[in-house]
Amino acid sequence: MKEKIRYTDEPMEFRVIPNFLPPPDKLVFKEDAVKVTITLSTKSVFFFKTEAAKRGVQYQRMIRRLLDAYVEAFEPSGSVNSPRTNRRKPARR
């Protein structure tokens, strides 16, 4: 059995930590997204589903972050072509 905690009247040392948490509006992080249909290999999907299950995240989110990291690595700095400025309405079928 665990040993009982014995409380004493000793003085406690403490220090005030400044507010370091972000405001709530910074916690609601949602990027602009475009839904696409893509065919991936069974091997790739199995890999991402397995890794996502281990980490408790969505496999689609892992794929999206991988693609975002690739774009950041190879995108020329100061690129002026923003997805927001080049929006077109999708063609109706």
N, C-alpha and C. Protein backbone atom coordinates (compact mmCIF):
# COMPACT_ATOMS: atom_id res chain seq x y z
N MET A 1 0.84 -1.18 0.00
CA MET A 1 0.00 0.00 0.00
C MET A 1 0.88 1.24 0.00
N LYS A 2 0.40 2.29 -0.62
CA LYS A 2 1.17 3.52 -0.69
C LYS A 2 1.27 4.18 0.67
N GLU A 3 2.39 4.87 0.84
CA GLU A 3 2.60 5.60 2.09
C GLU A 3 1.71 6.84 2.08
N LYS A 4 1.12 7.16 3.22
CA LYS A 4 0.25 8.32 3.32
C LYS A 4 1.05 9.60 3.16
N ILE A 5 0.42 10.59 2.54
CA ILE A 5 1.05 11.89 2.41
C ILE A 5 0.91 12.62 3.74
N ARG A 6 2.02 13.17 4.20
CA ARG A 6 2.00 13.91 5.46
C ARG A 6 2.21 15.39 5.15
N TYR A 7 1.21 16.17 5.44
CA TYR A 7 1.28 17.60 5.18
C TYR A 7 1.90 18.31 6.39
N THR A 8 2.66 19.34 6.10
CA THR A 8 3.28 20.12 7.17
C THR A 8 2.94 21.59 6.95
N ASP A 9 3.26 22.38 7.93
CA ASP A 9 3.00 23.82 7.83
C ASP A 9 4.24 24.58 7.38
N GLU A 10 5.11 23.92 6.64
CA GLU A 10 6.32 24.58 6.16
C GLU A 10 5.95 25.63 5.13
N PRO A 11 6.74 26.71 5.05
CA PRO A 11 6.45 27.72 4.03
C PRO A 11 6.70 27.13 2.63
N MET A 12 5.88 27.57 1.70
CA MET A 12 5.99 27.09 0.33
C MET A 12 6.69 28.14 -0.51
N GLU A 13 7.54 27.69 -1.39
CA GLU A 13 8.18 28.60 -2.32
C GLU A 13 7.41 28.56 -3.63
N PHE A 14 7.20 29.72 -4.22
CA PHE A 14 6.51 29.76 -5.50
C PHE A 14 6.97 30.99 -6.27
N ARG A 15 6.70 30.95 -7.55
CA ARG A 15 6.99 32.11 -8.40
C ARG A 15 5.83 32.28 -9.36
N VAL A 16 5.56 33.50 -9.72
CA VAL A 16 4.46 33.80 -10.62
C VAL A 16 4.96 33.61 -12.05
N ILE A 17 4.20 32.84 -12.80
CA ILE A 17 4.54 32.60 -14.20
C ILE A 17 3.64 33.51 -15.03
N PRO A 18 4.23 34.32 -15.91
CA PRO A 18 3.39 35.19 -16.73
C PRO A 18 2.49 34.37 -17.64
N ASN A 19 1.39 34.97 -18.05
CA ASN A 19 0.44 34.29 -18.93
C ASN A 19 1.13 33.95 -20.24
N PHE A 20 1.35 32.67 -20.48
CA PHE A 20 2.05 32.23 -21.68
C PHE A 20 1.13 31.52 -22.66
N LEU A 21 -0.13 31.34 -22.28
CA LEU A 21 -1.06 30.64 -23.16
C LEU A 21 -1.57 31.59 -24.24
N PRO A 22 -1.75 31.07 -25.46
CA PRO A 22 -2.28 31.92 -26.52
C PRO A 22 -3.76 32.21 -26.29
N PRO A 23 -4.26 33.31 -26.82
CA PRO A 23 -5.69 33.59 -26.67
C PRO A 23 -6.51 32.56 -27.44
N PRO A 24 -7.78 32.39 -27.07
CA PRO A 24 -8.61 31.36 -27.71
C PRO A 24 -8.68 31.46 -29.23
N ASP A 25 -8.68 32.68 -29.77
CA ASP A 25 -8.77 32.79 -31.23
C ASP A 25 -7.54 32.23 -31.94
N LYS A 26 -6.42 32.13 -31.24
CA LYS A 26 -5.22 31.54 -31.83
C LYS A 26 -5.25 30.02 -31.74
N LEU A 27 -6.10 29.47 -30.88
CA LEU A 27 -6.20 28.02 -30.74
C LEU A 27 -7.09 27.41 -31.81
N VAL A 28 -7.97 28.20 -32.40
CA VAL A 28 -8.85 27.72 -33.44
C VAL A 28 -8.15 27.96 -34.77
N PHE A 29 -7.30 27.03 -35.13
CA PHE A 29 -6.46 27.17 -36.31
C PHE A 29 -7.08 26.39 -37.45
N LYS A 30 -7.58 27.10 -38.41
CA LYS A 30 -8.17 26.44 -39.57
C LYS A 30 -7.64 27.10 -40.82
N GLU A 31 -7.05 26.31 -41.67
CA GLU A 31 -6.52 26.83 -42.92
C GLU A 31 -7.57 26.71 -44.01
N ASP A 32 -7.41 27.54 -45.03
CA ASP A 32 -8.25 27.37 -46.21
C ASP A 32 -7.91 26.02 -46.82
N ALA A 33 -8.91 25.30 -47.23
CA ALA A 33 -8.67 23.98 -47.79
C ALA A 33 -9.51 23.79 -49.04
N VAL A 34 -9.04 22.95 -49.91
CA VAL A 34 -9.74 22.59 -51.14
C VAL A 34 -9.86 21.07 -51.15
N LYS A 35 -11.08 20.59 -51.32
CA LYS A 35 -11.26 19.14 -51.41
C LYS A 35 -10.87 18.66 -52.79
N VAL A 36 -10.09 17.58 -52.82
CA VAL A 36 -9.68 16.99 -54.08
C VAL A 36 -9.90 15.48 -54.00
N THR A 37 -9.97 14.87 -55.15
CA THR A 37 -10.03 13.42 -55.23
C THR A 37 -8.69 12.97 -55.79
N ILE A 38 -8.06 12.03 -55.11
CA ILE A 38 -6.75 11.57 -55.52
C ILE A 38 -6.69 10.06 -55.31
N THR A 39 -6.04 9.38 -56.20
CA THR A 39 -5.85 7.94 -56.07
C THR A 39 -4.43 7.70 -55.57
N LEU A 40 -4.34 7.03 -54.43
CA LEU A 40 -3.04 6.71 -53.82
C LEU A 40 -2.83 5.21 -53.84
N SER A 41 -1.59 4.80 -53.75
CA SER A 41 -1.31 3.37 -53.71
C SER A 41 -1.78 2.79 -52.38
N THR A 42 -2.13 1.53 -52.43
CA THR A 42 -2.56 0.83 -51.22
C THR A 42 -1.47 0.88 -50.17
N LYS A 43 -0.23 0.71 -50.61
CA LYS A 43 0.92 0.73 -49.71
C LYS A 43 1.01 2.06 -48.95
N SER A 44 0.83 3.19 -49.66
CA SER A 44 0.90 4.50 -49.03
C SER A 44 -0.23 4.71 -48.02
N VAL A 45 -1.44 4.36 -48.42
CA VAL A 45 -2.58 4.55 -47.52
C VAL A 45 -2.42 3.68 -46.28
N PHE A 46 -1.99 2.43 -46.47
CA PHE A 46 -1.78 1.55 -45.33
C PHE A 46 -0.74 2.14 -44.37
N PHE A 47 0.34 2.67 -44.93
CA PHE A 47 1.39 3.27 -44.10
C PHE A 47 0.82 4.42 -43.27
N PHE A 48 0.12 5.36 -43.92
CA PHE A 48 -0.39 6.52 -43.20
C PHE A 48 -1.47 6.14 -42.19
N LYS A 49 -2.32 5.18 -42.53
CA LYS A 49 -3.35 4.75 -41.58
C LYS A 49 -2.71 4.11 -40.35
N THR A 50 -1.68 3.30 -40.57
CA THR A 50 -0.99 2.65 -39.45
C THR A 50 -0.30 3.66 -38.56
N GLU A 51 0.43 4.58 -39.16
CA GLU A 51 1.14 5.60 -38.38
C GLU A 51 0.16 6.53 -37.67
N ALA A 52 -0.93 6.87 -38.33
CA ALA A 52 -1.92 7.75 -37.72
C ALA A 52 -2.58 7.07 -36.51
N ALA A 53 -2.86 5.78 -36.64
CA ALA A 53 -3.47 5.05 -35.53
C ALA A 53 -2.55 5.01 -34.32
N LYS A 54 -1.26 4.87 -34.54
CA LYS A 54 -0.28 4.86 -33.45
C LYS A 54 -0.27 6.18 -32.69
N ARG A 55 -0.52 7.26 -33.43
CA ARG A 55 -0.41 8.60 -32.85
C ARG A 55 -1.76 9.23 -32.51
N GLY A 56 -2.83 8.55 -32.84
CA GLY A 56 -4.16 9.05 -32.53
C GLY A 56 -4.56 10.28 -33.33
N VAL A 57 -4.15 10.33 -34.60
CA VAL A 57 -4.50 11.44 -35.48
C VAL A 57 -5.16 10.89 -36.73
N GLN A 58 -5.69 11.78 -37.55
CA GLN A 58 -6.30 11.37 -38.81
C GLN A 58 -5.21 11.18 -39.86
N TYR A 59 -5.34 10.12 -40.64
CA TYR A 59 -4.31 9.86 -41.65
C TYR A 59 -4.34 10.91 -42.75
N GLN A 60 -5.53 11.46 -43.05
CA GLN A 60 -5.61 12.51 -44.07
C GLN A 60 -4.84 13.75 -43.62
N ARG A 61 -4.90 14.05 -42.33
CA ARG A 61 -4.18 15.20 -41.80
C ARG A 61 -2.67 15.00 -41.93
N MET A 62 -2.21 13.77 -41.70
CA MET A 62 -0.77 13.49 -41.86
C MET A 62 -0.34 13.70 -43.31
N ILE A 63 -1.14 13.22 -44.25
CA ILE A 63 -0.82 13.39 -45.66
C ILE A 63 -0.81 14.87 -46.02
N ARG A 64 -1.80 15.61 -45.53
CA ARG A 64 -1.88 17.05 -45.82
C ARG A 64 -0.66 17.78 -45.27
N ARG A 65 -0.25 17.44 -44.06
CA ARG A 65 0.93 18.09 -43.48
C ARG A 65 2.21 17.73 -44.21
N LEU A 66 2.29 16.51 -44.70
CA LEU A 66 3.44 16.10 -45.50
C LEU A 66 3.52 16.93 -46.77
N LEU A 67 2.39 17.09 -47.45
CA LEU A 67 2.36 17.89 -48.66
C LEU A 67 2.69 19.35 -48.38
N ASP A 68 2.15 19.88 -47.28
CA ASP A 68 2.45 21.27 -46.90
C ASP A 68 3.94 21.46 -46.64
N ALA A 69 4.57 20.48 -45.97
CA ALA A 69 6.01 20.57 -45.69
C ALA A 69 6.81 20.54 -46.98
N TYR A 70 6.38 19.72 -47.92
CA TYR A 70 7.05 19.64 -49.22
C TYR A 70 6.96 20.99 -49.94
N VAL A 71 5.78 21.58 -49.93
CA VAL A 71 5.59 22.87 -50.59
C VAL A 71 6.46 23.94 -49.94
N GLU A 72 6.49 23.97 -48.61
CA GLU A 72 7.31 24.95 -47.90
C GLU A 72 8.79 24.79 -48.23
N ALA A 73 9.22 23.55 -48.40
CA ALA A 73 10.64 23.29 -48.67
C ALA A 73 11.04 23.73 -50.08
N PHE A 74 10.13 23.63 -51.03
CA PHE A 74 10.49 23.90 -52.41
C PHE A 74 9.85 25.17 -53.00
N GLU A 75 8.99 25.82 -52.24
CA GLU A 75 8.36 27.05 -52.72
C GLU A 75 9.37 28.19 -52.68
N PRO A 76 9.49 28.94 -53.77
CA PRO A 76 10.42 30.07 -53.75
C PRO A 76 9.98 31.08 -52.68
N SER A 77 10.94 31.60 -51.92
CA SER A 77 10.58 32.55 -50.88
C SER A 77 10.06 33.83 -51.52
N GLY A 78 9.08 34.44 -50.87
CA GLY A 78 8.49 35.66 -51.40
C GLY A 78 7.57 35.41 -52.57
N SER A 79 7.06 34.20 -52.70
CA SER A 79 6.16 33.89 -53.80
C SER A 79 4.92 34.76 -53.72
N VAL A 80 4.55 35.37 -54.85
CA VAL A 80 3.40 36.27 -54.86
C VAL A 80 2.12 35.55 -55.24
N ASN A 81 2.19 34.32 -55.71
CA ASN A 81 1.00 33.58 -56.10
C ASN A 81 0.37 32.93 -54.88
N SER A 82 -0.57 33.60 -54.30
CA SER A 82 -1.28 33.09 -53.14
C SER A 82 -2.54 32.39 -53.61
N PRO A 83 -2.93 31.30 -52.95
CA PRO A 83 -4.16 30.63 -53.34
C PRO A 83 -5.37 31.55 -53.26
N ARG A 84 -5.34 32.53 -52.40
CA ARG A 84 -6.48 33.44 -52.25
C ARG A 84 -6.60 34.37 -53.44
N THR A 85 -5.49 34.73 -54.06
CA THR A 85 -5.56 35.68 -55.16
C THR A 85 -5.88 35.02 -56.49
N ASN A 86 -5.69 33.72 -56.57
CA ASN A 86 -5.90 33.03 -57.85
C ASN A 86 -7.10 32.09 -57.80
N ARG A 87 -8.13 32.45 -57.07
CA ARG A 87 -9.29 31.58 -56.95
C ARG A 87 -10.15 31.64 -58.20
N ARG A 88 -10.57 30.48 -58.64
CA ARG A 88 -11.51 30.41 -59.75
C ARG A 88 -12.65 29.52 -59.30
N LYS A 89 -13.82 29.75 -59.84
CA LYS A 89 -14.93 28.88 -59.54
C LYS A 89 -14.73 27.57 -60.27
N PRO A 90 -15.01 26.45 -59.62
CA PRO A 90 -14.86 25.16 -60.29
C PRO A 90 -15.85 25.03 -61.44
N ALA A 91 -15.44 24.34 -62.49
CA ALA A 91 -16.31 24.14 -63.64
C ALA A 91 -17.45 23.23 -63.25
N ARG A 92 -18.64 23.57 -63.68
CA ARG A 92 -19.81 22.73 -63.39
C ARG A 92 -19.89 21.61 -64.42
N ARG A 93 -20.25 20.47 -63.96
CA ARG A 93 -20.38 19.32 -64.87
C ARG A 93 -21.79 18.87 -64.95
